[in-house]
Amino acid sequence: MPAALPCSARPGDEPQAFDVPGRPQPVPGAPRLTTARGELLREITILDEYGERRSIHIPAERPLTLFVDKRELVTLMTLGASPELLVLGYLLNQGLVDDVAAVESITVDWDVGAAAVKTRAGIRDLAGKTERRVVTTGCGQGTVFGDMMSQLDALRLPDAASARIRQSTLHALLEQMRQRNSIHRKAGSVHGCALFAGSTLLMFVEDVGRHNAIDTIAGWMGLHGVHGADKTFYTTGRLTSEMVMKSARMGVPIIVSRNGVTAMGHALAVQLGMTLFGRAANRHFLCYCGFERFDSEPEPQRAAVRVVSG
């Protein structure tokens, strides 16, 4: 496997999947990461309904098997835009580590499809923590370890007075996502997730599963010490219980989705005091819960159209 590099020495710009103004620096004690890269798109020849052959691009999905201190943990199906951050965020969101300083290095080698995590002092009761798994509705089958639900009571999100969003800010956020050049626009078959501070886009990533995309954002936040209290999380995917739990673990109290919300995702958000927006595109949205965080600026009601029969 390639040697791991210190985070502060990562060469070049952030991956193209990211838009990170100011290039925030890794926190002290951050793990050493490789900079494994692979093709995000693959060109194939298809036959269309007109009987014509032409070339198109499809996402280059690939398996990444995660080893923690030489113990095989899980295989993630991923696009691989930034696999080291995906692995780091996965460990954080699964509650296997509480801080990035617990990880000494993450080494990804696409030749063997593996990510090797070396911790500084091991993970206490790793076998017990990973014994019970719940296969979620995530694309490619997300996995949540069974004790995550019991950890929800310990989560404390900021109150409504200090973490809120205006309707005009929501509109600006949605307009940025509408205009963004993306893999989905070129090839489809992926989900996108983004992190906003107000209407400022901090990070954007796409992956074959929305759970991978949110884990990658969690990894970026942990690596750079970015807190979620005053942030908004955006996703193109539906808001399931897994997505709500992971956003809460990241400390982000406001979630916006282009898709809808499941009953369990809604119930968890209400329990945690989170604000969920769904069916959000252009200037349209539904606020499912957490109205107290939302400064509404209602659109003018459209006049009813009267149809007169002849």
Protein backbone atom coordinates (compact mmCIF):
# COMPACT_ATOMS: atom_id res chain seq x y z
CA MET A 1 0.00 0.00 0.00
CA PRO A 2 1.13 3.60 -0.56
CA ALA A 3 2.65 5.39 2.39
CA ALA A 4 0.31 7.66 4.36
CA LEU A 5 0.99 11.37 4.21
CA PRO A 6 0.42 13.92 6.98
CA CYS A 7 -2.91 15.68 6.43
CA SER A 8 -1.24 19.05 6.24
CA ALA A 9 0.86 17.76 3.34
CA ARG A 10 -1.93 16.55 1.11
CA PRO A 11 -0.84 17.64 -2.38
CA GLY A 12 -2.94 19.73 -4.74
CA ASP A 13 -6.48 20.97 -4.38
CA GLU A 14 -9.32 19.20 -2.66
CA PRO A 15 -11.03 16.59 -4.87
CA GLN A 16 -13.28 17.99 -7.54
CA ALA A 17 -16.29 16.73 -5.60
CA PHE A 18 -15.57 19.37 -2.97
CA ASP A 19 -15.89 23.13 -2.88
CA VAL A 20 -14.08 24.29 0.23
CA PRO A 21 -13.23 27.99 0.37
CA GLY A 22 -10.13 28.87 2.37
CA ARG A 23 -8.77 25.33 2.57
CA PRO A 24 -9.28 24.84 6.33
CA GLN A 25 -6.38 23.14 8.05
CA PRO A 26 -6.56 19.75 9.82
CA VAL A 27 -6.90 19.80 13.58
CA PRO A 28 -3.90 19.01 15.81
CA GLY A 29 -3.41 15.26 16.16
CA ALA A 30 -5.32 14.52 12.95
CA PRO A 31 -4.60 11.16 11.32
CA ARG A 32 -2.20 10.71 8.42
CA LEU A 33 -4.11 10.05 5.21
CA THR A 34 -3.21 8.76 1.79
CA THR A 35 -4.67 10.57 -1.21
CA ALA A 36 -6.02 7.64 -3.17
CA ARG A 37 -7.85 8.66 -6.32
CA GLY A 38 -9.79 6.71 -8.89
CA GLU A 39 -11.89 7.49 -11.92
CA LEU A 40 -15.32 8.82 -10.98
CA LEU A 41 -16.91 8.16 -14.36
CA ARG A 42 -16.55 5.35 -16.86
CA GLU A 43 -17.41 5.57 -20.56
CA ILE A 44 -19.51 2.80 -22.09
CA THR A 45 -21.36 2.23 -25.35
CA ILE A 46 -25.14 1.90 -25.21
CA LEU A 47 -27.91 1.15 -27.69
CA ASP A 48 -30.83 3.60 -27.51
CA GLU A 49 -34.48 3.36 -28.49
CA TYR A 50 -33.66 4.53 -32.01
CA GLY A 51 -31.29 1.61 -32.59
CA GLU A 52 -28.26 3.88 -32.46
CA ARG A 53 -25.04 3.16 -30.58
CA ARG A 54 -23.48 6.03 -28.66
CA SER A 55 -21.13 6.65 -25.75
CA ILE A 56 -22.29 7.76 -22.32
CA HIS A 57 -20.72 8.01 -18.86
CA ILE A 58 -21.76 6.04 -15.80
CA PRO A 59 -20.50 6.32 -12.17
CA ALA A 60 -17.49 4.11 -11.44
CA GLU A 61 -18.80 2.29 -8.37
CA ARG A 62 -16.26 0.09 -6.57
CA PRO A 63 -15.99 -1.90 -3.31
CA LEU A 64 -13.79 -0.66 -0.47
CA THR A 65 -13.19 -3.13 2.37
CA LEU A 66 -12.44 -1.43 5.67
CA PHE A 67 -9.91 -2.98 8.08
CA VAL A 68 -9.49 -1.53 11.58
CA ASP A 69 -6.25 -2.55 13.25
CA LYS A 70 -6.03 -5.50 10.80
CA ARG A 71 -9.59 -6.64 11.58
CA GLU A 72 -12.05 -6.67 8.67
CA LEU A 73 -15.04 -4.51 9.53
CA VAL A 74 -17.25 -3.83 6.50
CA THR A 75 -17.22 -3.40 2.73
CA LEU A 76 -18.51 -0.08 1.43
CA MET A 77 -19.72 0.35 -2.14
CA THR A 78 -18.52 3.79 -3.13
CA LEU A 79 -17.68 6.16 -5.94
CA GLY A 80 -14.43 6.90 -4.12
CA ALA A 81 -14.21 10.68 -4.55
CA SER A 82 -12.34 10.95 -1.24
CA PRO A 83 -12.20 7.49 0.35
CA GLU A 84 -10.06 8.47 3.33
CA LEU A 85 -12.65 11.03 4.47
CA LEU A 86 -15.41 8.48 3.85
CA VAL A 87 -13.68 5.99 6.15
CA LEU A 88 -13.01 8.60 8.83
CA GLY A 89 -16.60 9.83 8.74
CA TYR A 90 -17.89 6.26 8.85
CA LEU A 91 -15.96 5.59 12.05
CA LEU A 92 -17.25 8.83 13.60
CA ASN A 93 -20.87 8.38 12.56
CA GLN A 94 -20.95 4.77 13.70
CA GLY A 95 -19.69 5.84 17.11
CA LEU A 96 -16.60 3.64 16.83
CA VAL A 97 -14.34 6.62 17.56
CA ASP A 98 -15.31 9.84 19.32
CA ASP A 99 -12.50 11.99 17.98
CA VAL A 100 -10.28 11.97 14.90
CA ALA A 101 -7.21 11.99 17.15
CA ALA A 102 -8.03 8.37 18.04
CA VAL A 103 -6.99 7.40 14.50
CA GLU A 104 -3.29 7.35 13.66
CA SER A 105 -3.59 6.75 9.90
CA ILE A 106 -5.93 5.72 7.09
CA THR A 107 -4.33 4.07 4.05
CA VAL A 108 -6.41 3.37 0.95
CA ASP A 109 -5.16 1.16 -1.89
CA TRP A 110 -7.48 0.80 -4.87
CA ASP A 111 -5.33 -1.98 -6.34
CA VAL A 112 -6.67 -4.27 -3.62
CA GLY A 113 -9.84 -2.31 -2.81
CA ALA A 114 -8.95 -1.90 0.86
CA ALA A 115 -8.71 0.82 3.50
CA ALA A 116 -6.41 0.09 6.45
CA VAL A 117 -7.15 2.06 9.61
CA LYS A 118 -4.54 2.15 12.36
CA THR A 119 -5.74 3.52 15.68
CA ARG A 120 -3.54 4.95 18.40
CA ALA A 121 -4.87 2.81 21.25
CA GLY A 122 -7.34 0.39 19.68
CA ILE A 123 -11.14 0.61 19.84
CA ARG A 124 -12.57 -0.58 23.13
CA ASP A 125 -14.95 -3.53 22.69
CA LEU A 126 -14.88 -3.33 18.89
CA ALA A 127 -16.35 -6.82 18.63
CA GLY A 128 -19.25 -5.92 20.91
CA LYS A 129 -19.94 -2.64 19.16
CA THR A 130 -20.08 -4.28 15.74
CA GLU A 131 -21.78 -7.53 16.69
CA ARG A 132 -25.34 -6.36 16.03
CA ARG A 133 -25.96 -4.65 12.69
CA VAL A 134 -29.04 -3.12 11.13
CA VAL A 135 -29.10 -3.09 7.33
CA THR A 136 -30.74 0.20 6.43
CA THR A 137 -32.50 1.50 3.35
CA GLY A 138 -29.33 3.26 2.15
CA CYS A 139 -28.49 2.81 -1.53
CA GLY A 140 -26.12 -0.15 -1.70
CA GLN A 141 -27.43 -1.14 1.75
CA GLY A 142 -26.17 1.12 4.50
CA THR A 143 -25.30 -0.42 7.85
CA VAL A 144 -25.93 0.99 11.32
CA PHE A 145 -24.48 -0.79 14.33
CA GLY A 146 -27.12 -1.70 16.86
CA ASP A 147 -26.05 0.47 19.80
CA MET A 148 -26.35 3.74 17.86
CA MET A 149 -30.00 4.12 18.84
CA SER A 150 -29.10 3.95 22.52
CA GLN A 151 -26.63 6.82 22.02
CA LEU A 152 -29.30 9.27 20.84
CA ASP A 153 -30.28 10.31 24.36
CA ALA A 154 -26.79 11.72 24.89
CA LEU A 155 -26.97 14.00 21.83
CA ARG A 156 -27.51 17.69 22.54
CA LEU A 157 -28.26 20.00 19.62
CA PRO A 158 -28.30 23.81 19.87
CA ASP A 159 -31.59 25.44 20.80
CA ALA A 160 -33.87 27.17 18.31
CA ALA A 161 -32.68 30.65 19.30
CA SER A 162 -29.09 29.95 18.21
CA ALA A 163 -29.62 27.64 15.22
CA ARG A 164 -32.20 28.73 12.68
CA ILE A 165 -32.70 29.39 8.97
CA ARG A 166 -34.56 32.06 6.99
CA GLN A 167 -36.69 31.24 3.98
CA SER A 168 -34.54 33.49 1.80
CA THR A 169 -31.44 31.55 2.91
CA LEU A 170 -33.17 28.28 2.07
CA HIS A 171 -33.99 29.62 -1.40
CA ALA A 172 -30.37 30.70 -1.94
CA LEU A 173 -29.13 27.27 -0.84
CA LEU A 174 -31.48 25.48 -3.23
CA GLU A 175 -30.53 27.77 -6.12
CA GLN A 176 -26.84 26.96 -5.63
CA MET A 177 -27.58 23.25 -5.73
CA ARG A 178 -29.75 23.67 -8.84
CA GLN A 179 -26.95 25.41 -10.73
CA ARG A 180 -24.13 23.15 -9.58
CA ASN A 181 -22.32 21.09 -12.19
CA SER A 182 -22.42 17.53 -10.92
CA ILE A 183 -21.76 13.89 -11.68
CA HIS A 184 -25.50 13.29 -11.41
CA ARG A 185 -26.12 15.76 -14.20
CA LYS A 186 -23.60 13.96 -16.41
CA ALA A 187 -24.30 10.36 -15.53
CA GLY A 188 -27.11 10.02 -12.96
CA SER A 189 -27.14 7.14 -10.44
CA VAL A 190 -25.53 9.07 -7.56
CA HIS A 191 -26.62 11.10 -4.54
CA GLY A 192 -25.21 14.47 -3.57
CA CYS A 193 -24.74 15.93 -0.09
CA ALA A 194 -23.59 19.39 0.92
CA LEU A 195 -22.76 21.39 4.03
CA PHE A 196 -23.73 25.06 4.27
CA ALA A 197 -22.97 27.89 6.68
CA GLY A 198 -25.91 30.16 5.98
CA SER A 199 -25.98 30.31 2.19
CA THR A 200 -22.21 29.66 1.87
CA LEU A 201 -21.38 26.24 0.46
CA LEU A 202 -18.58 24.67 2.51
CA MET A 203 -18.45 21.21 1.00
CA PHE A 204 -20.18 19.11 -1.65
CA VAL A 205 -19.68 15.44 -2.46
CA GLU A 206 -21.44 12.80 -4.53
CA ASP A 207 -21.47 9.04 -4.03
CA VAL A 208 -23.50 6.02 -5.05
CA GLY A 209 -25.20 6.06 -1.63
CA ARG A 210 -26.38 9.03 0.36
CA HIS A 211 -25.02 7.42 3.55
CA ASN A 212 -21.53 7.41 2.00
CA ALA A 213 -21.84 11.06 1.03
CA ILE A 214 -22.89 12.15 4.53
CA ASP A 215 -20.07 10.08 6.08
CA THR A 216 -17.56 11.81 3.79
CA ILE A 217 -18.83 15.19 4.97
CA ALA A 218 -18.59 14.00 8.59
CA GLY A 219 -14.99 12.97 7.94
CA TRP A 220 -14.17 16.38 6.49
CA MET A 221 -15.80 18.13 9.45
CA GLY A 222 -13.93 15.99 11.97
CA LEU A 223 -10.59 16.35 10.20
CA HIS A 224 -10.84 20.15 10.07
CA GLY A 225 -12.61 20.76 13.39
CA VAL A 226 -15.73 22.17 11.76
CA HIS A 227 -18.68 22.17 14.16
CA GLY A 228 -22.25 21.59 12.98
CA ALA A 229 -24.25 23.77 15.37
CA ASP A 230 -24.70 26.67 12.94
CA LYS A 231 -24.69 24.60 9.74
CA THR A 232 -27.33 23.22 7.37
CA PHE A 233 -27.00 19.80 5.76
CA TYR A 234 -28.41 19.24 2.25
CA THR A 235 -29.01 15.93 0.50
CA THR A 236 -30.64 14.77 -2.69
CA GLY A 237 -31.69 11.54 -0.95
CA ARG A 238 -34.65 10.74 1.24
CA LEU A 239 -34.44 11.47 4.96
CA THR A 240 -34.47 8.09 6.63
CA SER A 241 -33.71 7.40 10.29
CA GLU A 242 -30.07 6.71 9.33
CA MET A 243 -29.63 10.11 7.69
CA VAL A 244 -31.26 11.91 10.63
CA MET A 245 -29.10 10.04 13.16
CA LYS A 246 -25.90 10.78 11.28
CA SER A 247 -26.74 14.47 10.89
CA ALA A 248 -27.47 14.65 14.62
CA ARG A 249 -24.14 12.97 15.43
CA MET A 250 -22.48 15.66 13.31
CA GLY A 251 -24.23 18.27 15.44
CA VAL A 252 -26.21 19.67 12.48
CA PRO A 253 -29.80 20.53 13.52
CA ILE A 254 -31.24 21.55 10.12
CA ILE A 255 -31.55 19.17 7.16
CA VAL A 256 -32.82 19.96 3.67
CA SER A 257 -33.69 17.21 1.19
CA ARG A 258 -34.74 17.25 -2.43
CA ASN A 259 -36.58 14.05 -1.60
CA GLY A 260 -39.10 13.09 1.10
CA VAL A 261 -39.02 11.94 4.72
CA THR A 262 -39.80 8.52 6.19
CA ALA A 263 -41.97 8.11 9.29
CA MET A 264 -39.04 6.93 11.42
CA GLY A 265 -36.81 9.73 10.17
CA HIS A 266 -39.54 12.21 11.09
CA ALA A 267 -40.07 10.68 14.54
CA LEU A 268 -36.34 10.79 15.35
CA ALA A 269 -36.07 14.41 14.19
CA VAL A 270 -38.99 15.40 16.43
CA GLN A 271 -37.39 13.55 19.35
CA LEU A 272 -34.07 15.34 18.80
CA GLY A 273 -35.56 18.78 18.10
CA MET A 274 -34.31 18.92 14.51
CA THR A 275 -35.77 20.79 11.56
CA LEU A 276 -36.47 18.81 8.39
CA PHE A 277 -37.24 20.25 4.97
CA GLY A 278 -38.24 17.89 2.20
CA ARG A 279 -39.46 18.05 -1.41
CA ALA A 280 -37.18 21.08 -1.61
CA ALA A 281 -36.37 22.33 -5.10
CA ASN A 282 -36.42 25.74 -6.74
CA ARG A 283 -38.68 27.80 -4.44
CA HIS A 284 -40.80 24.91 -3.23
CA PHE A 285 -40.40 22.95 0.01
CA LEU A 286 -42.24 21.28 2.87
CA CYS A 287 -41.12 21.87 6.46
CA TYR A 288 -41.97 18.59 8.20
CA CYS A 289 -40.95 19.47 11.75
CA GLY A 290 -38.90 21.92 13.81
CA PHE A 291 -40.92 24.96 12.72
CA GLU A 292 -39.47 26.91 15.65
CA ARG A 293 -36.09 27.11 13.86
CA PHE A 294 -37.58 28.49 10.66
CA ASP A 295 -38.05 32.18 9.91
CA SER A 296 -40.81 31.95 7.34
CA GLU A 297 -41.09 34.57 4.59
CA PRO A 298 -44.17 33.24 2.83
CA GLU A 299 -44.52 33.40 -0.92
CA PRO A 300 -47.58 35.34 -2.18
CA GLN A 301 -50.52 33.04 -2.67
CA ARG A 302 -51.31 32.50 -6.30
CA ALA A 303 -54.76 33.60 -7.35
CA ALA A 304 -57.11 30.75 -8.03
CA VAL A 305 -57.76 30.10 -11.70
CA ARG A 306 -61.43 30.11 -12.50
CA VAL A 307 -62.47 27.80 -15.30
CA VAL A 308 -65.64 28.78 -17.11
CA SER A 309 -67.26 26.11 -19.21
CA GLY A 310 -68.65 27.11 -22.57
